[in-house]
Amino acid sequence: HSLVDTGNGGLLLYGLHRAAQPPDRLHPFGYGRE
């Protein structure tokens, strides 16, 4: 359980990082839903 929670924290950090990416041609409204 704790090992899964550790990995989940990494995925949430990755999601926050991806969501902060600016809009581009393929995603004109940005990446917020990541």
ModelCIF file with pLDDT and N, C-alpha, C, O atoms, coordinates in Angstrom:
data_MODEL
#
_entry.id   MODEL 
#
_entity.id                         1 
_entity.type                       polymer 
_entity.pdbx_number_of_molecules   1 
#
_entity_poly.entity_id                      1 
_entity_poly.type                           'polypeptide(L)' 
_entity_poly.nstd_linkage                   no 
_entity_poly.nstd_monomer                   no 
_entity_poly.pdbx_seq_one_letter_code       HSLVDTGNGGLLLYGLHRAAQPPDRLHPFGYGRE 
_entity_poly.pdbx_seq_one_letter_code_can   HSLVDTGNGGLLLYGLHRAAQPPDRLHPFGYGRE 
_entity_poly.pdbx_strand_id                 A 
#
loop_
_entity_poly_seq.entity_id 
_entity_poly_seq.num 
_entity_poly_seq.mon_id 
_entity_poly_seq.hetero 
1 1  HIS n 
1 2  SER n 
1 3  LEU n 
1 4  VAL n 
1 5  ASP n 
1 6  THR n 
1 7  GLY n 
1 8  ASN n 
1 9  GLY n 
1 10 GLY n 
1 11 LEU n 
1 12 LEU n 
1 13 LEU n 
1 14 TYR n 
1 15 GLY n 
1 16 LEU n 
1 17 HIS n 
1 18 ARG n 
1 19 ALA n 
1 20 ALA n 
1 21 GLN n 
1 22 PRO n 
1 23 PRO n 
1 24 ASP n 
1 25 ARG n 
1 26 LEU n 
1 27 HIS n 
1 28 PRO n 
1 29 PHE n 
1 30 GLY n 
1 31 TYR n 
1 32 GLY n 
1 33 ARG n 
1 34 GLU n 
#
_struct_asym.id          A 
_struct_asym.entity_id   1 
#
loop_
_ma_qa_metric.id 
_ma_qa_metric.mode 
_ma_qa_metric.name 
_ma_qa_metric.software_group_id 
_ma_qa_metric.type 
1 global pLDDT . pLDDT 
2 local  pLDDT . pLDDT 
#
_ma_qa_metric_global.metric_id      1 
_ma_qa_metric_global.metric_value   87.09 
_ma_qa_metric_global.model_id       1 
_ma_qa_metric_global.ordinal_id     1 
#
loop_
_ma_qa_metric_local.label_asym_id 
_ma_qa_metric_local.label_comp_id 
_ma_qa_metric_local.label_seq_id 
_ma_qa_metric_local.metric_id 
_ma_qa_metric_local.metric_value 
_ma_qa_metric_local.model_id 
_ma_qa_metric_local.ordinal_id 
A HIS 1  2 72.00 1 1  
A SER 2  2 80.00 1 2  
A LEU 3  2 84.00 1 3  
A VAL 4  2 81.00 1 4  
A ASP 5  2 81.00 1 5  
A THR 6  2 87.00 1 6  
A GLY 7  2 88.00 1 7  
A ASN 8  2 86.00 1 8  
A GLY 9  2 88.00 1 9  
A GLY 10 2 91.00 1 10 
A LEU 11 2 90.00 1 11 
A LEU 12 2 89.00 1 12 
A LEU 13 2 90.00 1 13 
A TYR 14 2 91.00 1 14 
A GLY 15 2 90.00 1 15 
A LEU 16 2 88.00 1 16 
A HIS 17 2 89.00 1 17 
A ARG 18 2 89.00 1 18 
A ALA 19 2 88.00 1 19 
A ALA 20 2 86.00 1 20 
A GLN 21 2 88.00 1 21 
A PRO 22 2 88.00 1 22 
A PRO 23 2 87.00 1 23 
A ASP 24 2 89.00 1 24 
A ARG 25 2 88.00 1 25 
A LEU 26 2 87.00 1 26 
A HIS 27 2 88.00 1 27 
A PRO 28 2 89.00 1 28 
A PHE 29 2 87.00 1 29 
A GLY 30 2 86.00 1 30 
A TYR 31 2 89.00 1 31 
A GLY 32 2 87.00 1 32 
A ARG 33 2 89.00 1 33 
A GLU 34 2 91.00 1 34 
#
loop_
_atom_site.group_PDB 
_atom_site.id 
_atom_site.type_symbol 
_atom_site.label_atom_id 
_atom_site.label_alt_id 
_atom_site.label_comp_id 
_atom_site.label_asym_id 
_atom_site.label_entity_id 
_atom_site.label_seq_id 
_atom_site.pdbx_PDB_ins_code 
_atom_site.Cartn_x 
_atom_site.Cartn_y 
_atom_site.Cartn_z 
_atom_site.occupancy 
_atom_site.B_iso_or_equiv 
_atom_site.pdbx_formal_charge 
_atom_site.auth_seq_id 
_atom_site.auth_comp_id 
_atom_site.auth_asym_id 
_atom_site.auth_atom_id 
_atom_site.pdbx_PDB_model_num 
ATOM 1   N N  . HIS A 1 1  ? 0.834  -1.211 0.000   1.00 72.00 ? 1  HIS A N  1 
ATOM 2   C CA . HIS A 1 1  ? 0.000  0.000  0.000   1.00 72.00 ? 1  HIS A CA 1 
ATOM 3   C C  . HIS A 1 1  ? 0.867  1.260  0.000   1.00 72.00 ? 1  HIS A C  1 
ATOM 4   O O  . HIS A 1 1  ? 0.634  2.176  -0.789  1.00 72.00 ? 1  HIS A O  1 
ATOM 5   N N  . SER A 1 2  ? 1.857  1.304  0.876   1.00 80.00 ? 2  SER A N  1 
ATOM 6   C CA . SER A 1 2  ? 2.719  2.481  0.963   1.00 80.00 ? 2  SER A CA 1 
ATOM 7   C C  . SER A 1 2  ? 3.567  2.656  -0.297  1.00 80.00 ? 2  SER A C  1 
ATOM 8   O O  . SER A 1 2  ? 3.827  3.782  -0.722  1.00 80.00 ? 2  SER A O  1 
ATOM 9   N N  . LEU A 1 3  ? 3.997  1.539  -0.896  1.00 84.00 ? 3  LEU A N  1 
ATOM 10  C CA . LEU A 1 3  ? 4.763  1.614  -2.138  1.00 84.00 ? 3  LEU A CA 1 
ATOM 11  C C  . LEU A 1 3  ? 3.904  2.172  -3.268  1.00 84.00 ? 3  LEU A C  1 
ATOM 12  O O  . LEU A 1 3  ? 4.370  2.984  -4.068  1.00 84.00 ? 3  LEU A O  1 
ATOM 13  N N  . VAL A 1 4  ? 2.644  1.730  -3.329  1.00 81.00 ? 4  VAL A N  1 
ATOM 14  C CA . VAL A 1 4  ? 1.714  2.261  -4.332  1.00 81.00 ? 4  VAL A CA 1 
ATOM 15  C C  . VAL A 1 4  ? 1.487  3.751  -4.111  1.00 81.00 ? 4  VAL A C  1 
ATOM 16  O O  . VAL A 1 4  ? 1.462  4.531  -5.063  1.00 81.00 ? 4  VAL A O  1 
ATOM 17  N N  . ASP A 1 5  ? 1.321  4.143  -2.845  1.00 81.00 ? 5  ASP A N  1 
ATOM 18  C CA . ASP A 1 5  ? 1.120  5.569  -2.532  1.00 81.00 ? 5  ASP A CA 1 
ATOM 19  C C  . ASP A 1 5  ? 2.322  6.409  -2.959  1.00 81.00 ? 5  ASP A C  1 
ATOM 20  O O  . ASP A 1 5  ? 2.158  7.542  -3.412  1.00 81.00 ? 5  ASP A O  1 
ATOM 21  N N  . THR A 1 6  ? 3.527  5.860  -2.817  1.00 87.00 ? 6  THR A N  1 
ATOM 22  C CA . THR A 1 6  ? 4.728  6.581  -3.249  1.00 87.00 ? 6  THR A CA 1 
ATOM 23  C C  . THR A 1 6  ? 4.703  6.820  -4.753  1.00 87.00 ? 6  THR A C  1 
ATOM 24  O O  . THR A 1 6  ? 4.956  7.929  -5.223  1.00 87.00 ? 6  THR A O  1 
ATOM 25  N N  . GLY A 1 7  ? 4.392  5.758  -5.502  1.00 88.00 ? 7  GLY A N  1 
ATOM 26  C CA . GLY A 1 7  ? 4.290  5.909  -6.956  1.00 88.00 ? 7  GLY A CA 1 
ATOM 27  C C  . GLY A 1 7  ? 3.185  6.864  -7.361  1.00 88.00 ? 7  GLY A C  1 
ATOM 28  O O  . GLY A 1 7  ? 3.328  7.624  -8.318  1.00 88.00 ? 7  GLY A O  1 
ATOM 29  N N  . ASN A 1 8  ? 2.077  6.822  -6.622  1.00 86.00 ? 8  ASN A N  1 
ATOM 30  C CA . ASN A 1 8  ? 0.965  7.722  -6.926  1.00 86.00 ? 8  ASN A CA 1 
ATOM 31  C C  . ASN A 1 8  ? 1.365  9.180  -6.748  1.00 86.00 ? 8  ASN A C  1 
ATOM 32  O O  . ASN A 1 8  ? 0.954  10.041 -7.527  1.00 86.00 ? 8  ASN A O  1 
ATOM 33  N N  . GLY A 1 9  ? 2.164  9.457  -5.727  1.00 88.00 ? 9  GLY A N  1 
ATOM 34  C CA . GLY A 1 9  ? 2.642  10.816 -5.527  1.00 88.00 ? 9  GLY A CA 1 
ATOM 35  C C  . GLY A 1 9  ? 3.459  11.295 -6.718  1.00 88.00 ? 9  GLY A C  1 
ATOM 36  O O  . GLY A 1 9  ? 3.341  12.443 -7.146  1.00 88.00 ? 9  GLY A O  1 
ATOM 37  N N  . GLY A 1 10 ? 4.289  10.401 -7.249  1.00 91.00 ? 10 GLY A N  1 
ATOM 38  C CA . GLY A 1 10 ? 5.067  10.747 -8.439  1.00 91.00 ? 10 GLY A CA 1 
ATOM 39  C C  . GLY A 1 10 ? 4.181  11.036 -9.632  1.00 91.00 ? 10 GLY A C  1 
ATOM 40  O O  . GLY A 1 10 ? 4.456  11.955 -10.403 1.00 91.00 ? 10 GLY A O  1 
ATOM 41  N N  . LEU A 1 11 ? 3.107  10.253 -9.795  1.00 90.00 ? 11 LEU A N  1 
ATOM 42  C CA . LEU A 1 11 ? 2.184  10.488 -10.904 1.00 90.00 ? 11 LEU A CA 1 
ATOM 43  C C  . LEU A 1 11 ? 1.456  11.827 -10.759 1.00 90.00 ? 11 LEU A C  1 
ATOM 44  O O  . LEU A 1 11 ? 1.236  12.525 -11.749 1.00 90.00 ? 11 LEU A O  1 
ATOM 45  N N  . LEU A 1 12 ? 1.085  12.182 -9.535  1.00 89.00 ? 12 LEU A N  1 
ATOM 46  C CA . LEU A 1 12 ? 0.428  13.476 -9.319  1.00 89.00 ? 12 LEU A CA 1 
ATOM 47  C C  . LEU A 1 12 ? 1.381  14.630 -9.629  1.00 89.00 ? 12 LEU A C  1 
ATOM 48  O O  . LEU A 1 12 ? 0.976  15.632 -10.219 1.00 89.00 ? 12 LEU A O  1 
ATOM 49  N N  . LEU A 1 13 ? 2.643  14.489 -9.231  1.00 90.00 ? 13 LEU A N  1 
ATOM 50  C CA . LEU A 1 13 ? 3.625  15.525 -9.571  1.00 90.00 ? 13 LEU A CA 1 
ATOM 51  C C  . LEU A 1 13 ? 3.785  15.647 -11.086 1.00 90.00 ? 13 LEU A C  1 
ATOM 52  O O  . LEU A 1 13 ? 3.883  16.752 -11.619 1.00 90.00 ? 13 LEU A O  1 
ATOM 53  N N  . TYR A 1 14 ? 3.809  14.521 -11.762 1.00 91.00 ? 14 TYR A N  1 
ATOM 54  C CA . TYR A 1 14 ? 3.907  14.543 -13.217 1.00 91.00 ? 14 TYR A CA 1 
ATOM 55  C C  . TYR A 1 14 ? 2.681  15.214 -13.820 1.00 91.00 ? 14 TYR A C  1 
ATOM 56  O O  . TYR A 1 14 ? 2.794  15.990 -14.769 1.00 91.00 ? 14 TYR A O  1 
ATOM 57  N N  . GLY A 1 15 ? 1.508  14.914 -13.267 1.00 90.00 ? 15 GLY A N  1 
ATOM 58  C CA . GLY A 1 15 ? 0.287  15.541 -13.750 1.00 90.00 ? 15 GLY A CA 1 
ATOM 59  C C  . GLY A 1 15 ? 0.308  17.052 -13.573 1.00 90.00 ? 15 GLY A C  1 
ATOM 60  O O  . GLY A 1 15 ? -0.110 17.790 -14.465 1.00 90.00 ? 15 GLY A O  1 
ATOM 61  N N  . LEU A 1 16 ? 0.795  17.517 -12.417 1.00 88.00 ? 16 LEU A N  1 
ATOM 62  C CA . LEU A 1 16 ? 0.908  18.960 -12.188 1.00 88.00 ? 16 LEU A CA 1 
ATOM 63  C C  . LEU A 1 16 ? 1.870  19.604 -13.180 1.00 88.00 ? 16 LEU A C  1 
ATOM 64  O O  . LEU A 1 16 ? 1.620  20.696 -13.691 1.00 88.00 ? 16 LEU A O  1 
ATOM 65  N N  . HIS A 1 17 ? 2.983  18.903 -13.446 1.00 89.00 ? 17 HIS A N  1 
ATOM 66  C CA . HIS A 1 17 ? 3.965  19.427 -14.396 1.00 89.00 ? 17 HIS A CA 1 
ATOM 67  C C  . HIS A 1 17 ? 3.378  19.522 -15.802 1.00 89.00 ? 17 HIS A C  1 
ATOM 68  O O  . HIS A 1 17 ? 3.540  20.537 -16.479 1.00 89.00 ? 17 HIS A O  1 
ATOM 69  N N  . ARG A 1 18 ? 2.698  18.468 -16.237 1.00 89.00 ? 18 ARG A N  1 
ATOM 70  C CA . ARG A 1 18 ? 2.114  18.462 -17.582 1.00 89.00 ? 18 ARG A CA 1 
ATOM 71  C C  . ARG A 1 18 ? 0.990  19.486 -17.707 1.00 89.00 ? 18 ARG A C  1 
ATOM 72  O O  . ARG A 1 18 ? 0.843  20.124 -18.749 1.00 89.00 ? 18 ARG A O  1 
ATOM 73  N N  . ALA A 1 19 ? 0.197  19.645 -16.648 1.00 88.00 ? 19 ALA A N  1 
ATOM 74  C CA . ALA A 1 19 ? -0.931 20.583 -16.695 1.00 88.00 ? 19 ALA A CA 1 
ATOM 75  C C  . ALA A 1 19 ? -0.463 22.023 -16.845 1.00 88.00 ? 19 ALA A C  1 
ATOM 76  O O  . ALA A 1 19 ? -1.209 22.871 -17.335 1.00 88.00 ? 19 ALA A O  1 
ATOM 77  N N  . ALA A 1 20 ? 0.760  22.304 -16.430 1.00 86.00 ? 20 ALA A N  1 
ATOM 78  C CA . ALA A 1 20 ? 1.289  23.671 -16.496 1.00 86.00 ? 20 ALA A CA 1 
ATOM 79  C C  . ALA A 1 20 ? 1.867  24.014 -17.866 1.00 86.00 ? 20 ALA A C  1 
ATOM 80  O O  . ALA A 1 20 ? 2.277  25.154 -18.082 1.00 86.00 ? 20 ALA A O  1 
ATOM 81  N N  . GLN A 1 21 ? 1.910  23.053 -18.804 1.00 88.00 ? 21 GLN A N  1 
ATOM 82  C CA . GLN A 1 21 ? 2.461  23.328 -20.128 1.00 88.00 ? 21 GLN A CA 1 
ATOM 83  C C  . GLN A 1 21 ? 1.580  24.326 -20.877 1.00 88.00 ? 21 GLN A C  1 
ATOM 84  O O  . GLN A 1 21 ? 0.355  24.251 -20.783 1.00 88.00 ? 21 GLN A O  1 
ATOM 85  N N  . PRO A 1 22 ? 2.180  25.257 -21.618 1.00 88.00 ? 22 PRO A N  1 
ATOM 86  C CA . PRO A 1 22 ? 1.388  26.248 -22.353 1.00 88.00 ? 22 PRO A CA 1 
ATOM 87  C C  . PRO A 1 22 ? 0.681  25.625 -23.551 1.00 88.00 ? 22 PRO A C  1 
ATOM 88  O O  . PRO A 1 22 ? 1.076  24.552 -24.006 1.00 88.00 ? 22 PRO A O  1 
ATOM 89  N N  . PRO A 1 23 ? -0.352 26.274 -24.066 1.00 87.00 ? 23 PRO A N  1 
ATOM 90  C CA . PRO A 1 23 ? -1.047 25.769 -25.264 1.00 87.00 ? 23 PRO A CA 1 
ATOM 91  C C  . PRO A 1 23 ? -0.107 25.670 -26.455 1.00 87.00 ? 23 PRO A C  1 
ATOM 92  O O  . PRO A 1 23 ? 0.865  26.418 -26.561 1.00 87.00 ? 23 PRO A O  1 
ATOM 93  N N  . ASP A 1 24 ? -0.412 24.737 -27.349 1.00 89.00 ? 24 ASP A N  1 
ATOM 94  C CA . ASP A 1 24 ? 0.349  24.623 -28.581 1.00 89.00 ? 24 ASP A CA 1 
ATOM 95  C C  . ASP A 1 24 ? -0.603 24.273 -29.712 1.00 89.00 ? 24 ASP A C  1 
ATOM 96  O O  . ASP A 1 24 ? -1.821 24.305 -29.537 1.00 89.00 ? 24 ASP A O  1 
ATOM 97  N N  . ARG A 1 25 ? -0.052 23.938 -30.871 1.00 88.00 ? 25 ARG A N  1 
ATOM 98  C CA . ARG A 1 25 ? -0.896 23.683 -32.037 1.00 88.00 ? 25 ARG A CA 1 
ATOM 99  C C  . ARG A 1 25 ? -1.795 22.469 -31.838 1.00 88.00 ? 25 ARG A C  1 
ATOM 100 O O  . ARG A 1 25 ? -2.951 22.476 -32.260 1.00 88.00 ? 25 ARG A O  1 
ATOM 101 N N  . LEU A 1 26 ? -1.275 21.435 -31.204 1.00 87.00 ? 26 LEU A N  1 
ATOM 102 C CA . LEU A 1 26 ? -2.063 20.222 -31.002 1.00 87.00 ? 26 LEU A CA 1 
ATOM 103 C C  . LEU A 1 26 ? -3.057 20.353 -29.848 1.00 87.00 ? 26 LEU A C  1 
ATOM 104 O O  . LEU A 1 26 ? -4.094 19.691 -29.845 1.00 87.00 ? 26 LEU A O  1 
ATOM 105 N N  . HIS A 1 27 ? -2.746 21.202 -28.871 1.00 88.00 ? 27 HIS A N  1 
ATOM 106 C CA . HIS A 1 27 ? -3.618 21.398 -27.715 1.00 88.00 ? 27 HIS A CA 1 
ATOM 107 C C  . HIS A 1 27 ? -3.815 22.901 -27.498 1.00 88.00 ? 27 HIS A C  1 
ATOM 108 O O  . HIS A 1 27 ? -3.203 23.486 -26.604 1.00 88.00 ? 27 HIS A O  1 
ATOM 109 N N  . PRO A 1 28 ? -4.659 23.516 -28.308 1.00 89.00 ? 28 PRO A N  1 
ATOM 110 C CA . PRO A 1 28 ? -4.806 24.979 -28.264 1.00 89.00 ? 28 PRO A CA 1 
ATOM 111 C C  . PRO A 1 28 ? -5.359 25.509 -26.952 1.00 89.00 ? 28 PRO A C  1 
ATOM 112 O O  . PRO A 1 28 ? -5.181 26.689 -26.650 1.00 89.00 ? 28 PRO A O  1 
ATOM 113 N N  . PHE A 1 29 ? -6.025 24.671 -26.163 1.00 87.00 ? 29 PHE A N  1 
ATOM 114 C CA . PHE A 1 29 ? -6.549 25.107 -24.874 1.00 87.00 ? 29 PHE A CA 1 
ATOM 115 C C  . PHE A 1 29 ? -5.636 24.713 -23.718 1.00 87.00 ? 29 PHE A C  1 
ATOM 116 O O  . PHE A 1 29 ? -5.992 24.900 -22.554 1.00 87.00 ? 29 PHE A O  1 
ATOM 117 N N  . GLY A 1 30 ? -4.474 24.176 -24.027 1.00 86.00 ? 30 GLY A N  1 
ATOM 118 C CA . GLY A 1 30 ? -3.536 23.814 -22.978 1.00 86.00 ? 30 GLY A CA 1 
ATOM 119 C C  . GLY A 1 30 ? -3.659 22.359 -22.552 1.00 86.00 ? 30 GLY A C  1 
ATOM 120 O O  . GLY A 1 30 ? -4.371 21.569 -23.172 1.00 86.00 ? 30 GLY A O  1 
ATOM 121 N N  . TYR A 1 31 ? -2.943 22.019 -21.473 1.00 89.00 ? 31 TYR A N  1 
ATOM 122 C CA . TYR A 1 31 ? -2.846 20.633 -21.001 1.00 89.00 ? 31 TYR A CA 1 
ATOM 123 C C  . TYR A 1 31 ? -3.439 20.444 -19.603 1.00 89.00 ? 31 TYR A C  1 
ATOM 124 O O  . TYR A 1 31 ? -3.074 19.511 -18.888 1.00 89.00 ? 31 TYR A O  1 
ATOM 125 N N  . GLY A 1 32 ? -4.348 21.326 -19.224 1.00 87.00 ? 32 GLY A N  1 
ATOM 126 C CA . GLY A 1 32 ? -4.862 21.299 -17.857 1.00 87.00 ? 32 GLY A CA 1 
ATOM 127 C C  . GLY A 1 32 ? -5.439 19.969 -17.424 1.00 87.00 ? 32 GLY A C  1 
ATOM 128 O O  . GLY A 1 32 ? -5.296 19.579 -16.265 1.00 87.00 ? 32 GLY A O  1 
ATOM 129 N N  . ARG A 1 33 ? -6.089 19.265 -18.338 1.00 89.00 ? 33 ARG A N  1 
ATOM 130 C CA . ARG A 1 33 ? -6.746 18.017 -17.954 1.00 89.00 ? 33 ARG A CA 1 
ATOM 131 C C  . ARG A 1 33 ? -5.775 16.863 -17.743 1.00 89.00 ? 33 ARG A C  1 
ATOM 132 O O  . ARG A 1 33 ? -6.194 15.780 -17.337 1.00 89.00 ? 33 ARG A O  1 
ATOM 133 N N  . GLU A 1 34 ? -4.496 17.068 -18.007 1.00 91.00 ? 34 GLU A N  1 
ATOM 134 C CA . GLU A 1 34 ? -3.496 16.041 -17.692 1.00 91.00 ? 34 GLU A CA 1 
ATOM 135 C C  . GLU A 1 34 ? -3.550 15.693 -16.202 1.00 91.00 ? 34 GLU A C  1 
ATOM 136 O O  . GLU A 1 34 ? -2.785 14.848 -15.737 1.00 91.00 ? 34 GLU A O  1 
#
